[in-house]
Amino acid sequence: MAYSPLDWQALTTVELKDHISDSAIAVLPVAAIEQHGPHLPLATDRIIGEGILQAAVERFDDARLLVLPTLPIGLSLEHSGFPGTLSLRPDTAIDVLVDIGQSIASAGIHRLVIFNSHGGNRQIIDLAALQLRQRFRMLVVKANYFRYQIPQELVDAEELSRGLHGGELETAMMLHLAPDQVRQDLIEHFQSLEETVMADNRHLKPEGEAAFAWMGQDLNPAGVVGRASRATAGQGAQLVAHFAGALAETFRETARFNLRLLR
């Protein structure tokens, strides 16, 4: 039997109840509204996350997906030095995720995929997911798109290591998903602190084996880093397809998971 994803907020409460089953999966997209330098809009993480998710659900028909509205504002303290960035406090962000998860569990759904498109949300998702597991015996899958392995032919390892924010990866996907929102005349190679004064470091790097807490302006005055000037729309289309395939497979593995293993 083929299934199609359902828009949680478009259903009535009666219709939602009819779709609850042991294999049903709730999907919560989590993003951010924050600065992405001079060339990308504040909504970059939301646009990318929703674009990947849409492509992923089109590749998935193994079980019922109930897609919740995107949580657009997350934890963006590292970008708070730039106008336009919106951020919750860490405790608030964790509480919001736990409260939403509790509502999902109360509806009778115990498989939840939190699909995240912003690096700064990882820690709050980790902590919220553990609380939901401990309190409600939920399977909470933490799917951060940027944690999926990326083929070298799409983006090389050096750029993946240094282009942490607003670089080639994000710019390429935005050129594919929302080219009209990219200020293409302002795209450039935004050099990182890691490329300059920390170039000889082996361990101590912004996201290295020995990482340090950083604010966006610490890495580059524009608040973004990476070779955005190398990004293309065709590359972005391939990246979205790659991440969507990985996310769809994550949905399949989530559907197959035996909830009885959660004691």
Protein backbone atom coordinates (compact mmCIF):
# COMPACT_ATOMS: atom_id res chain seq x y z
CA MET A 1 0.00 0.00 0.00
CA ALA A 2 1.38 3.44 -0.93
CA TYR A 3 1.16 6.27 1.55
CA SER A 4 1.52 10.01 1.18
CA PRO A 5 2.73 12.55 3.73
CA LEU A 6 0.10 14.46 5.65
CA ASP A 7 0.19 18.09 6.71
CA TRP A 8 -0.43 17.91 10.47
CA GLN A 9 -1.92 21.38 10.75
CA ALA A 10 -4.31 20.88 7.79
CA LEU A 11 -6.05 17.88 9.39
CA THR A 12 -8.96 18.00 11.77
CA THR A 13 -8.50 16.34 15.14
CA VAL A 14 -10.77 13.49 13.99
CA GLU A 15 -8.78 12.98 10.80
CA LEU A 16 -5.50 12.99 12.69
CA LYS A 17 -6.78 10.34 15.08
CA ASP A 18 -7.67 8.14 12.11
CA HIS A 19 -4.06 8.26 10.90
CA ILE A 20 -2.42 7.34 14.20
CA SER A 21 -0.82 3.91 14.16
CA ASP A 22 2.19 2.09 15.56
CA SER A 23 4.15 2.88 12.39
CA ALA A 24 3.13 6.55 12.07
CA ILE A 25 6.02 9.00 12.10
CA ALA A 26 5.80 12.64 13.14
CA VAL A 27 8.35 14.87 11.44
CA LEU A 28 9.28 18.17 13.07
CA PRO A 29 11.40 20.49 10.89
CA VAL A 30 13.58 22.82 12.99
CA ALA A 31 15.41 25.77 11.46
CA ALA A 32 16.63 29.28 12.31
CA ILE A 33 16.14 32.89 11.31
CA GLU A 34 19.61 34.37 11.41
CA GLN A 35 22.19 36.33 9.46
CA HIS A 36 23.81 34.59 6.51
CA GLY A 37 26.10 37.38 5.39
CA PRO A 38 25.49 39.90 2.61
CA HIS A 39 24.35 37.41 -0.03
CA LEU A 40 21.80 35.10 1.65
CA PRO A 41 18.49 35.91 3.39
CA LEU A 42 17.77 35.47 7.07
CA ALA A 43 15.45 32.56 6.21
CA THR A 44 18.22 30.50 4.55
CA ASP A 45 18.10 27.61 7.02
CA ARG A 46 14.31 27.37 6.80
CA ILE A 47 14.30 27.45 3.00
CA ILE A 48 16.99 24.77 2.75
CA GLY A 49 15.39 22.55 5.39
CA GLU A 50 11.94 22.70 3.85
CA GLY A 51 13.37 22.13 0.36
CA ILE A 52 15.22 18.99 1.44
CA LEU A 53 12.22 17.73 3.42
CA GLN A 54 9.85 18.20 0.49
CA ALA A 55 12.20 16.26 -1.79
CA ALA A 56 12.58 13.54 0.85
CA VAL A 57 8.86 12.91 1.38
CA GLU A 58 8.46 12.56 -2.38
CA ARG A 59 10.93 9.66 -2.20
CA PHE A 60 9.22 7.92 0.73
CA ASP A 61 6.12 5.71 0.70
CA ASP A 62 6.80 3.06 3.34
CA ALA A 63 4.65 4.39 6.19
CA ARG A 64 2.51 7.32 7.23
CA LEU A 65 4.38 10.58 7.67
CA LEU A 66 2.73 13.39 9.62
CA VAL A 67 4.68 16.56 8.87
CA LEU A 68 4.41 19.29 11.49
CA PRO A 69 4.83 23.00 10.76
CA THR A 70 8.43 24.17 10.75
CA LEU A 71 9.78 25.57 13.99
CA PRO A 72 11.52 28.54 12.35
CA ILE A 73 13.36 30.04 15.32
CA GLY A 74 15.95 28.06 17.22
CA LEU A 75 19.18 28.72 19.08
CA SER A 76 21.29 31.30 17.21
CA LEU A 77 23.37 32.94 19.93
CA GLU A 78 26.51 32.78 17.77
CA HIS A 79 24.87 35.10 15.24
CA SER A 80 23.27 37.54 17.68
CA GLY A 81 25.83 40.24 16.87
CA PHE A 82 24.13 40.85 13.51
CA PRO A 83 20.79 42.62 12.90
CA GLY A 84 17.88 40.36 12.02
CA THR A 85 18.96 37.27 13.92
CA LEU A 86 16.21 35.81 16.11
CA SER A 87 17.08 33.40 18.90
CA LEU A 88 15.50 31.62 21.81
CA ARG A 89 17.40 31.17 25.06
CA PRO A 90 18.84 27.64 25.40
CA ASP A 91 16.45 26.59 28.18
CA THR A 92 13.49 28.01 26.29
CA ALA A 93 14.48 26.24 23.08
CA ILE A 94 14.79 22.90 24.88
CA ASP A 95 11.45 23.40 26.62
CA VAL A 96 9.73 24.22 23.31
CA LEU A 97 10.99 21.00 21.73
CA VAL A 98 10.04 18.92 24.77
CA ASP A 99 6.57 20.46 24.94
CA ILE A 100 5.93 19.79 21.25
CA GLY A 101 7.19 16.24 21.67
CA GLN A 102 4.92 15.71 24.66
CA SER A 103 1.94 16.84 22.58
CA ILE A 104 2.90 14.37 19.86
CA ALA A 105 3.19 11.55 22.39
CA SER A 106 -0.16 12.53 23.90
CA ALA A 107 -1.73 12.10 20.48
CA GLY A 108 -0.48 8.51 20.46
CA ILE A 109 2.54 8.83 18.17
CA HIS A 110 5.84 7.55 19.50
CA ARG A 111 8.11 7.90 16.47
CA LEU A 112 9.46 11.41 16.02
CA VAL A 113 12.05 12.63 13.53
CA ILE A 114 13.44 16.07 14.35
CA PHE A 115 14.84 17.29 11.04
CA ASN A 116 17.29 20.12 11.67
CA SER A 117 18.83 22.55 9.20
CA HIS A 118 20.86 24.76 11.58
CA GLY A 119 24.11 23.73 13.26
CA GLY A 120 23.45 25.76 16.40
CA ASN A 121 20.38 23.66 17.18
CA ARG A 122 22.25 20.39 17.61
CA GLN A 123 22.88 20.63 21.34
CA ILE A 124 19.33 21.63 22.26
CA ILE A 125 17.93 18.83 20.11
CA ASP A 126 20.24 16.31 21.80
CA LEU A 127 19.02 17.36 25.25
CA ALA A 128 15.35 17.56 24.30
CA ALA A 129 15.44 14.18 22.56
CA LEU A 130 16.89 12.50 25.65
CA GLN A 131 14.15 13.98 27.84
CA LEU A 132 11.45 12.76 25.46
CA ARG A 133 12.97 9.29 25.45
CA GLN A 134 13.20 9.21 29.25
CA ARG A 135 9.78 10.68 29.99
CA PHE A 136 7.61 9.27 27.20
CA ARG A 137 9.53 6.27 25.82
CA MET A 138 9.59 7.90 22.42
CA LEU A 139 11.90 7.05 19.57
CA VAL A 140 13.36 10.46 18.77
CA VAL A 141 15.57 10.53 15.69
CA LYS A 142 17.93 13.51 15.41
CA ALA A 143 18.43 14.09 11.68
CA ASN A 144 20.75 17.00 10.96
CA TYR A 145 21.10 17.25 7.18
CA PHE A 146 24.73 18.45 7.36
CA ARG A 147 25.72 15.33 9.31
CA TYR A 148 24.98 13.06 6.36
CA GLN A 149 28.15 12.16 4.48
CA ILE A 150 28.63 14.34 1.40
CA PRO A 151 30.38 12.99 -1.72
CA GLN A 152 33.72 14.69 -2.36
CA GLU A 153 32.72 15.42 -5.95
CA LEU A 154 29.94 17.70 -4.69
CA VAL A 155 31.86 19.65 -2.04
CA ASP A 156 35.46 18.91 -1.13
CA ALA A 157 36.56 18.07 2.40
CA GLU A 158 38.44 21.32 2.97
CA GLU A 159 35.37 23.42 2.23
CA LEU A 160 33.17 21.18 4.37
CA SER A 161 35.60 21.69 7.24
CA ARG A 162 35.96 25.45 6.88
CA GLY A 163 32.82 26.64 5.12
CA LEU A 164 30.71 26.36 8.24
CA HIS A 165 28.16 29.05 7.48
CA GLY A 166 27.00 30.70 4.28
CA GLY A 167 29.71 29.08 2.19
CA GLU A 168 29.64 26.89 -0.89
CA LEU A 169 27.22 24.30 0.52
CA GLU A 170 24.42 26.63 1.60
CA THR A 171 24.88 29.05 -1.27
CA ALA A 172 24.62 26.26 -3.84
CA MET A 173 21.37 24.93 -2.38
CA MET A 174 19.91 28.43 -2.18
CA LEU A 175 20.83 29.04 -5.83
CA HIS A 176 18.77 25.95 -6.61
CA LEU A 177 15.86 26.40 -4.19
CA ALA A 178 15.43 30.19 -4.12
CA PRO A 179 17.69 31.90 -6.67
CA ASP A 180 15.62 35.08 -6.56
CA GLN A 181 16.54 35.49 -2.88
CA VAL A 182 20.31 35.22 -3.41
CA ARG A 183 22.15 38.52 -3.84
CA GLN A 184 24.46 37.05 -6.46
CA ASP A 185 26.53 40.20 -6.96
CA LEU A 186 27.61 39.99 -3.30
CA ILE A 187 28.83 36.38 -3.38
CA GLU A 188 32.53 35.97 -2.67
CA HIS A 189 35.07 33.74 -0.95
CA PHE A 190 34.64 34.55 2.73
CA GLN A 191 37.91 33.57 4.37
CA SER A 192 37.75 31.92 7.77
CA LEU A 193 39.95 32.44 10.79
CA GLU A 194 40.90 28.81 10.26
CA GLU A 195 42.39 29.68 6.86
CA THR A 196 44.46 32.59 8.13
CA VAL A 197 45.84 32.90 11.65
CA MET A 198 44.91 29.31 12.60
CA ALA A 199 46.04 27.66 9.39
CA ASP A 200 48.84 25.70 11.08
CA ASN A 201 46.73 24.36 13.95
CA ARG A 202 46.23 20.63 14.09
CA HIS A 203 43.68 20.35 16.88
CA LEU A 204 42.40 23.76 17.95
CA LYS A 205 39.91 24.91 15.32
CA PRO A 206 36.40 26.38 15.38
CA GLU A 207 34.91 22.90 14.90
CA GLY A 208 38.05 20.78 15.28
CA GLU A 209 38.97 17.96 17.63
CA ALA A 210 39.57 20.69 20.21
CA ALA A 211 36.92 23.25 19.32
CA PHE A 212 36.22 26.61 20.88
CA ALA A 213 33.03 28.59 21.34
CA TRP A 214 32.76 31.20 18.60
CA MET A 215 30.58 34.05 17.47
CA GLY A 216 29.99 34.54 13.76
CA GLN A 217 32.12 37.69 13.60
CA ASP A 218 35.07 35.80 15.16
CA LEU A 219 35.44 33.72 12.01
CA ASN A 220 34.90 36.51 9.47
CA PRO A 221 33.69 40.12 9.84
CA ALA A 222 30.78 39.32 7.50
CA GLY A 223 29.64 36.51 9.79
CA VAL A 224 29.94 33.84 7.09
CA VAL A 225 32.79 31.64 5.91
CA GLY A 226 33.52 29.51 2.88
CA ARG A 227 34.01 29.62 -0.86
CA ALA A 228 30.51 30.77 -1.75
CA SER A 229 31.85 32.03 -5.08
CA ARG A 230 32.29 28.43 -6.26
CA ALA A 231 28.63 27.50 -5.70
CA THR A 232 26.31 26.73 -8.63
CA ALA A 233 22.61 25.99 -8.95
CA GLY A 234 23.35 22.63 -10.56
CA GLN A 235 25.53 21.68 -7.62
CA GLY A 236 22.73 22.77 -5.29
CA ALA A 237 20.23 20.52 -7.06
CA GLN A 238 22.56 17.55 -6.60
CA LEU A 239 23.09 18.38 -2.93
CA VAL A 240 19.36 18.66 -2.24
CA ALA A 241 18.76 15.32 -3.98
CA HIS A 242 21.58 13.71 -2.01
CA PHE A 243 20.33 14.92 1.37
CA ALA A 244 16.73 14.08 0.46
CA GLY A 245 17.70 10.51 -0.37
CA ALA A 246 19.50 10.13 2.96
CA LEU A 247 16.55 11.59 4.86
CA ALA A 248 14.06 9.32 3.07
CA GLU A 249 16.17 6.32 4.05
CA THR A 250 16.19 7.62 7.62
CA PHE A 251 12.38 7.64 7.52
CA ARG A 252 12.38 4.00 6.35
CA GLU A 253 14.74 2.95 9.13
CA THR A 254 12.61 4.86 11.66
CA ALA A 255 9.48 3.06 10.47
CA ARG A 256 11.19 -0.34 10.84
CA PHE A 257 12.48 0.33 14.35
CA ASN A 258 10.98 -2.01 16.97
CA LEU A 259 9.58 0.26 19.68
CA ARG A 260 9.65 -2.67 22.13
CA LEU A 261 13.41 -2.16 22.32
CA LEU A 262 12.78 1.06 24.23
CA ARG A 263 12.34 -0.29 27.74
